[in-house]
Amino acid sequence: MKLELVIVDESHLWLSLAEKLAASHPLVGKITTFDDSYDAWVHIQINKPQFVISDIEMPGMNGLSFLEMF
């Protein structure tokens, strides 16, 4: 079974690196990336991925506040 992963980070460089690293793992299937935590939150509420990786320091909402929304 392949797992769905969401990656949230405002840095496009880090998003790209994290996505490439995750894609190399045999258990990871679908990878969705977001540079905005609010857009990610909506996607997560609708799609219910198995894993979420989030940056801690983000503009607008930090990673800990993002996790508290769940």
C-alpha atoms as a PDB file:
ATOM      1  CA  MET A   1       0.000   0.000   0.000  1.00  0.00           C
ATOM      2  CA  LYS A   2       1.406   3.387  -1.022  1.00  0.00           C
ATOM      3  CA  LEU A   3       0.936   6.268   1.404  1.00  0.00           C
ATOM      4  CA  GLU A   4      -0.218   9.803   0.627  1.00  0.00           C
ATOM      5  CA  LEU A   5       2.078  12.548   1.913  1.00  0.00           C
ATOM      6  CA  VAL A   6       1.514  16.299   2.198  1.00  0.00           C
ATOM      7  CA  ILE A   7       4.522  18.606   2.558  1.00  0.00           C
ATOM      8  CA  VAL A   8       4.051  22.212   3.721  1.00  0.00           C
ATOM      9  CA  ASP A   9       6.844  24.796   3.530  1.00  0.00           C
ATOM     10  CA  GLU A  10       7.031  28.368   2.226  1.00  0.00           C
ATOM     11  CA  SER A  11      10.440  27.706   0.638  1.00  0.00           C
ATOM     12  CA  HIS A  12      10.147  26.284  -2.871  1.00  0.00           C
ATOM     13  CA  LEU A  13      13.709  24.985  -2.595  1.00  0.00           C
ATOM     14  CA  TRP A  14      12.927  22.942   0.525  1.00  0.00           C
ATOM     15  CA  LEU A  15       9.621  21.764  -0.944  1.00  0.00           C
ATOM     16  CA  SER A  16      11.452  20.482  -4.001  1.00  0.00           C
ATOM     17  CA  LEU A  17      14.158  18.754  -1.967  1.00  0.00           C
ATOM     18  CA  ALA A  18      11.670  17.153   0.432  1.00  0.00           C
ATOM     19  CA  GLU A  19       9.496  15.983  -2.454  1.00  0.00           C
ATOM     20  CA  LYS A  20      12.458  14.377  -4.258  1.00  0.00           C
ATOM     21  CA  LEU A  21      13.608  12.670  -1.074  1.00  0.00           C
ATOM     22  CA  ALA A  22      10.100  11.386  -0.247  1.00  0.00           C
ATOM     23  CA  ALA A  23       9.543  10.174  -3.821  1.00  0.00           C
ATOM     24  CA  SER A  24      12.571   7.897  -3.479  1.00  0.00           C
ATOM     25  CA  HIS A  25      10.938   6.001  -0.599  1.00  0.00           C
ATOM     26  CA  PRO A  26       9.147   2.813  -1.707  1.00  0.00           C
ATOM     27  CA  LEU A  27       6.150   3.311   0.618  1.00  0.00           C
ATOM     28  CA  VAL A  28       5.339   6.841  -0.553  1.00  0.00           C
ATOM     29  CA  GLY A  29       2.829   7.122  -3.377  1.00  0.00           C
ATOM     30  CA  LYS A  30       1.108  10.446  -3.908  1.00  0.00           C
ATOM     31  CA  ILE A  31       2.977  13.568  -2.761  1.00  0.00           C
ATOM     32  CA  THR A  32       1.220  16.926  -2.597  1.00  0.00           C
ATOM     33  CA  THR A  33       3.141  20.087  -1.727  1.00  0.00           C
ATOM     34  CA  PHE A  34       1.911  23.456  -0.485  1.00  0.00           C
ATOM     35  CA  ASP A  35       3.688  26.741   0.167  1.00  0.00           C
ATOM     36  CA  ASP A  36       0.664  28.069   2.084  1.00  0.00           C
ATOM     37  CA  SER A  37      -0.494  26.450   5.335  1.00  0.00           C
ATOM     38  CA  TYR A  38      -4.128  27.525   4.881  1.00  0.00           C
ATOM     39  CA  ASP A  39      -4.360  25.857   1.455  1.00  0.00           C
ATOM     40  CA  ALA A  40      -2.709  22.758   2.899  1.00  0.00           C
ATOM     41  CA  TRP A  41      -5.180  22.662   5.779  1.00  0.00           C
ATOM     42  CA  VAL A  42      -8.154  22.708   3.378  1.00  0.00           C
ATOM     43  CA  HIS A  43      -6.597  19.941   1.263  1.00  0.00           C
ATOM     44  CA  ILE A  44      -5.893  17.816   4.346  1.00  0.00           C
ATOM     45  CA  GLN A  45      -9.465  18.201   5.628  1.00  0.00           C
ATOM     46  CA  ILE A  46     -10.856  16.997   2.297  1.00  0.00           C
ATOM     47  CA  ASN A  47      -8.331  14.313   1.290  1.00  0.00           C
ATOM     48  CA  LYS A  48      -7.203  12.904   4.673  1.00  0.00           C
ATOM     49  CA  PRO A  49      -3.581  11.980   3.795  1.00  0.00           C
ATOM     50  CA  GLN A  50      -1.734   9.499   6.014  1.00  0.00           C
ATOM     51  CA  PHE A  51       1.269  11.781   6.631  1.00  0.00           C
ATOM     52  CA  VAL A  52       1.954  15.520   6.830  1.00  0.00           C
ATOM     53  CA  ILE A  53       5.386  17.163   6.991  1.00  0.00           C
ATOM     54  CA  SER A  54       5.317  20.826   7.964  1.00  0.00           C
ATOM     55  CA  ASP A  55       7.896  23.547   8.420  1.00  0.00           C
ATOM     56  CA  ILE A  56       7.875  25.136  11.880  1.00  0.00           C
ATOM     57  CA  GLU A  57       8.681  28.711  10.834  1.00  0.00           C
ATOM     58  CA  MET A  58       6.177  29.896   8.216  1.00  0.00           C
ATOM     59  CA  PRO A  59       4.655  33.310   7.547  1.00  0.00           C
ATOM     60  CA  GLY A  60       1.054  33.764   8.622  1.00  0.00           C
ATOM     61  CA  MET A  61       0.887  30.610  10.703  1.00  0.00           C
ATOM     62  CA  ASN A  62       3.758  28.660  12.205  1.00  0.00           C
ATOM     63  CA  GLY A  63       3.929  24.876  12.052  1.00  0.00           C
ATOM     64  CA  LEU A  64       2.807  24.397  15.639  1.00  0.00           C
ATOM     65  CA  SER A  65      -0.301  26.533  15.144  1.00  0.00           C
ATOM     66  CA  PHE A  66      -0.928  24.584  11.957  1.00  0.00           C
ATOM     67  CA  LEU A  67      -0.872  21.296  13.885  1.00  0.00           C
ATOM     68  CA  GLU A  68      -3.156  22.706  16.605  1.00  0.00           C
ATOM     69  CA  MET A  69      -5.865  23.200  13.948  1.00  0.00           C
ATOM     70  CA  PHE A  70      -6.266  19.418  13.858  1.00  0.00           C
END
